[in-house]
Amino acid sequence: MRKIGFPGHEELAMGVVASGGVVLVSPALVERVPEEEFHWALDRAVRELRERERLYRGDRPPSEVAGRTVVLVDDGLATGVTMRAAVEALRRQGPREFSMPSRASRIPSARPGLMPMGDT
């Protein structure tokens, strides 16, 4: 997964790209930047994601998760957008079930939206 950084404040995620073509965005942030800047940031995030996957996996295919139990771990949720993208990417691969242990979110409003997403 790669963050789609807000121009000039790249640590602020306008959205996230994940393997399998998953793209989640924050409409409130995306509408604050010109369309061409958003597309530039999106293209950059996609390129970085592909490069990281190539570096981490080499020629190996992605791990097979269909029918398996999967544990998604985040080292600390902020807005929850990266975890939502990870869940969406994972669901497309058909795991039997998954859980999402994580340290508490620093933003209380992110917690309720994530609670119903996991199986355990």
C-alpha atoms as a PDB file:
ATOM      1  CA  MET A   1       0.000   0.000   0.000  1.00  0.00           C
ATOM      2  CA  ARG A   2       1.109   3.512  -0.715  1.00  0.00           C
ATOM      3  CA  LYS A   3      -0.247   6.781   0.473  1.00  0.00           C
ATOM      4  CA  ILE A   4      -1.411   9.354  -2.087  1.00  0.00           C
ATOM      5  CA  GLY A   5       0.185  12.422  -0.543  1.00  0.00           C
ATOM      6  CA  PHE A   6      -1.451  15.836  -0.451  1.00  0.00           C
ATOM      7  CA  PRO A   7       0.673  18.265  -2.524  1.00  0.00           C
ATOM      8  CA  GLY A   8       3.055  20.169  -0.268  1.00  0.00           C
ATOM      9  CA  HIS A   9       2.090  18.000   2.726  1.00  0.00           C
ATOM     10  CA  GLU A  10       2.870  14.497   1.470  1.00  0.00           C
ATOM     11  CA  GLU A  11       2.444  12.913   4.915  1.00  0.00           C
ATOM     12  CA  LEU A  12      -1.247  13.858   4.752  1.00  0.00           C
ATOM     13  CA  ALA A  13      -2.985  11.120   2.789  1.00  0.00           C
ATOM     14  CA  MET A  14      -5.543  12.185   0.202  1.00  0.00           C
ATOM     15  CA  GLY A  15      -5.987   8.489  -0.327  1.00  0.00           C
ATOM     16  CA  VAL A  16      -4.280   5.145  -0.661  1.00  0.00           C
ATOM     17  CA  VAL A  17      -3.450   2.695  -3.455  1.00  0.00           C
ATOM     18  CA  ALA A  18      -3.180  -1.024  -2.788  1.00  0.00           C
ATOM     19  CA  SER A  19      -2.344  -4.131  -4.770  1.00  0.00           C
ATOM     20  CA  GLY A  20      -5.050  -5.315  -7.093  1.00  0.00           C
ATOM     21  CA  GLY A  21      -6.040  -1.851  -8.300  1.00  0.00           C
ATOM     22  CA  VAL A  22      -7.626  -0.678  -5.043  1.00  0.00           C
ATOM     23  CA  VAL A  23      -7.775   3.115  -4.755  1.00  0.00           C
ATOM     24  CA  LEU A  24      -9.505   4.831  -1.828  1.00  0.00           C
ATOM     25  CA  VAL A  25      -9.600   8.603  -1.553  1.00  0.00           C
ATOM     26  CA  SER A  26     -10.849  11.264   0.800  1.00  0.00           C
ATOM     27  CA  PRO A  27     -13.199  13.344  -1.388  1.00  0.00           C
ATOM     28  CA  ALA A  28     -12.908  16.297   0.988  1.00  0.00           C
ATOM     29  CA  LEU A  29      -9.148  16.446   0.419  1.00  0.00           C
ATOM     30  CA  VAL A  30      -9.126  15.515  -3.271  1.00  0.00           C
ATOM     31  CA  GLU A  31     -11.496  18.342  -4.162  1.00  0.00           C
ATOM     32  CA  ARG A  32      -9.021  20.812  -2.632  1.00  0.00           C
ATOM     33  CA  VAL A  33      -6.339  20.145  -5.265  1.00  0.00           C
ATOM     34  CA  PRO A  34      -6.345  20.627  -9.042  1.00  0.00           C
ATOM     35  CA  GLU A  35      -7.222  17.456 -10.932  1.00  0.00           C
ATOM     36  CA  GLU A  36      -3.841  17.258 -12.657  1.00  0.00           C
ATOM     37  CA  GLU A  37      -2.034  17.444  -9.279  1.00  0.00           C
ATOM     38  CA  PHE A  38      -4.176  14.631  -7.914  1.00  0.00           C
ATOM     39  CA  HIS A  39      -3.460  12.454 -10.948  1.00  0.00           C
ATOM     40  CA  TRP A  40       0.268  13.201 -10.667  1.00  0.00           C
ATOM     41  CA  ALA A  41       0.226  12.155  -6.980  1.00  0.00           C
ATOM     42  CA  LEU A  42      -1.845   9.041  -7.798  1.00  0.00           C
ATOM     43  CA  ASP A  43       0.524   8.000 -10.604  1.00  0.00           C
ATOM     44  CA  ARG A  44       3.494   8.511  -8.281  1.00  0.00           C
ATOM     45  CA  ALA A  45       1.909   6.333  -5.572  1.00  0.00           C
ATOM     46  CA  VAL A  46       1.131   3.573  -8.097  1.00  0.00           C
ATOM     47  CA  ARG A  47       4.732   3.622  -9.390  1.00  0.00           C
ATOM     48  CA  GLU A  48       6.095   3.476  -5.839  1.00  0.00           C
ATOM     49  CA  LEU A  49       3.758   0.587  -4.959  1.00  0.00           C
ATOM     50  CA  ARG A  50       4.873  -1.421  -7.993  1.00  0.00           C
ATOM     51  CA  GLU A  51       8.542  -0.745  -7.221  1.00  0.00           C
ATOM     52  CA  ARG A  52       8.172  -1.796  -3.577  1.00  0.00           C
ATOM     53  CA  GLU A  53       6.352  -4.969  -4.566  1.00  0.00           C
ATOM     54  CA  ARG A  54       9.138  -5.772  -7.036  1.00  0.00           C
ATOM     55  CA  LEU A  55      11.821  -5.121  -4.400  1.00  0.00           C
ATOM     56  CA  TYR A  56      10.078  -7.132  -1.685  1.00  0.00           C
ATOM     57  CA  ARG A  57       8.930 -10.091  -3.785  1.00  0.00           C
ATOM     58  CA  GLY A  58      11.318 -10.175  -6.693  1.00  0.00           C
ATOM     59  CA  ASP A  59       9.877 -12.635  -9.208  1.00  0.00           C
ATOM     60  CA  ARG A  60       7.696 -14.405  -6.636  1.00  0.00           C
ATOM     61  CA  PRO A  61       3.917 -14.038  -6.997  1.00  0.00           C
ATOM     62  CA  PRO A  62       1.849 -12.501  -4.173  1.00  0.00           C
ATOM     63  CA  SER A  63       1.010 -14.807  -1.289  1.00  0.00           C
ATOM     64  CA  GLU A  64      -2.131 -16.874  -1.809  1.00  0.00           C
ATOM     65  CA  VAL A  65      -4.721 -15.915   0.817  1.00  0.00           C
ATOM     66  CA  ALA A  66      -7.893 -17.445  -0.651  1.00  0.00           C
ATOM     67  CA  GLY A  67      -9.500 -19.685   1.952  1.00  0.00           C
ATOM     68  CA  ARG A  68      -6.926 -18.821   4.621  1.00  0.00           C
ATOM     69  CA  THR A  69      -7.076 -16.917   7.885  1.00  0.00           C
ATOM     70  CA  VAL A  70      -5.201 -13.623   7.582  1.00  0.00           C
ATOM     71  CA  VAL A  71      -4.079 -11.151  10.248  1.00  0.00           C
ATOM     72  CA  LEU A  72      -3.748  -7.505   9.149  1.00  0.00           C
ATOM     73  CA  VAL A  73      -1.501  -5.443  11.416  1.00  0.00           C
ATOM     74  CA  ASP A  74      -1.103  -1.671  11.469  1.00  0.00           C
ATOM     75  CA  ASP A  75       1.440  -0.075  13.788  1.00  0.00           C
ATOM     76  CA  GLY A  76      -0.984   2.716  14.659  1.00  0.00           C
ATOM     77  CA  LEU A  77      -4.135   3.906  13.005  1.00  0.00           C
ATOM     78  CA  ALA A  78      -4.571   7.582  12.314  1.00  0.00           C
ATOM     79  CA  THR A  79      -7.559   8.124  10.041  1.00  0.00           C
ATOM     80  CA  GLY A  80      -8.021   4.438   9.221  1.00  0.00           C
ATOM     81  CA  VAL A  81      -7.831   4.968   5.437  1.00  0.00           C
ATOM     82  CA  THR A  82      -4.836   2.652   4.983  1.00  0.00           C
ATOM     83  CA  MET A  83      -6.516  -0.141   6.946  1.00  0.00           C
ATOM     84  CA  ARG A  84      -9.728   0.299   4.928  1.00  0.00           C
ATOM     85  CA  ALA A  85      -7.719  -0.032   1.709  1.00  0.00           C
ATOM     86  CA  ALA A  86      -5.928  -3.119   3.054  1.00  0.00           C
ATOM     87  CA  VAL A  87      -9.275  -4.692   3.960  1.00  0.00           C
ATOM     88  CA  GLU A  88     -10.699  -3.950   0.501  1.00  0.00           C
ATOM     89  CA  ALA A  89      -7.625  -5.385  -1.240  1.00  0.00           C
ATOM     90  CA  LEU A  90      -7.752  -8.447   0.990  1.00  0.00           C
ATOM     91  CA  ARG A  91     -11.476  -9.116   0.539  1.00  0.00           C
ATOM     92  CA  ARG A  92     -10.955  -9.266  -3.229  1.00  0.00           C
ATOM     93  CA  GLN A  93      -8.619 -12.220  -2.645  1.00  0.00           C
ATOM     94  CA  GLY A  94     -11.190 -14.330  -0.774  1.00  0.00           C
ATOM     95  CA  PRO A  95      -9.703 -15.134   2.625  1.00  0.00           C
ATOM     96  CA  ARG A  96     -11.709 -17.425   4.900  1.00  0.00           C
ATOM     97  CA  GLU A  97     -11.510 -14.803   7.655  1.00  0.00           C
ATOM     98  CA  PHE A  98      -9.266 -12.043   8.910  1.00  0.00           C
ATOM     99  CA  SER A  99      -8.639 -10.005  12.019  1.00  0.00           C
ATOM    100  CA  MET A 100      -7.110  -6.576  12.525  1.00  0.00           C
ATOM    101  CA  PRO A 101      -5.204  -6.147  15.805  1.00  0.00           C
ATOM    102  CA  SER A 102      -3.795  -2.653  16.198  1.00  0.00           C
ATOM    103  CA  ARG A 103      -2.815  -0.081  18.713  1.00  0.00           C
ATOM    104  CA  ALA A 104      -5.642   2.332  19.349  1.00  0.00           C
ATOM    105  CA  SER A 105      -6.327   5.014  16.787  1.00  0.00           C
ATOM    106  CA  ARG A 106      -5.253   8.512  17.720  1.00  0.00           C
ATOM    107  CA  ILE A 107      -8.414   9.786  16.083  1.00  0.00           C
ATOM    108  CA  PRO A 108     -11.476   8.423  17.918  1.00  0.00           C
ATOM    109  CA  SER A 109     -13.728   8.937  14.870  1.00  0.00           C
ATOM    110  CA  ALA A 110     -11.662   6.350  12.921  1.00  0.00           C
ATOM    111  CA  ARG A 111     -12.425   3.543  15.380  1.00  0.00           C
ATOM    112  CA  PRO A 112     -16.148   2.954  14.777  1.00  0.00           C
ATOM    113  CA  GLY A 113     -15.718   2.724  10.998  1.00  0.00           C
ATOM    114  CA  LEU A 114     -13.137  -0.033  11.358  1.00  0.00           C
ATOM    115  CA  MET A 115     -14.861  -2.140  14.002  1.00  0.00           C
ATOM    116  CA  PRO A 116     -17.278  -3.966  11.661  1.00  0.00           C
ATOM    117  CA  MET A 117     -14.643  -4.610   8.981  1.00  0.00           C
ATOM    118  CA  GLY A 118     -12.852  -7.605  10.526  1.00  0.00           C
ATOM    119  CA  ASP A 119     -14.178 -11.106  11.046  1.00  0.00           C
ATOM    120  CA  THR A 120     -12.594 -11.563  14.468  1.00  0.00           C
END
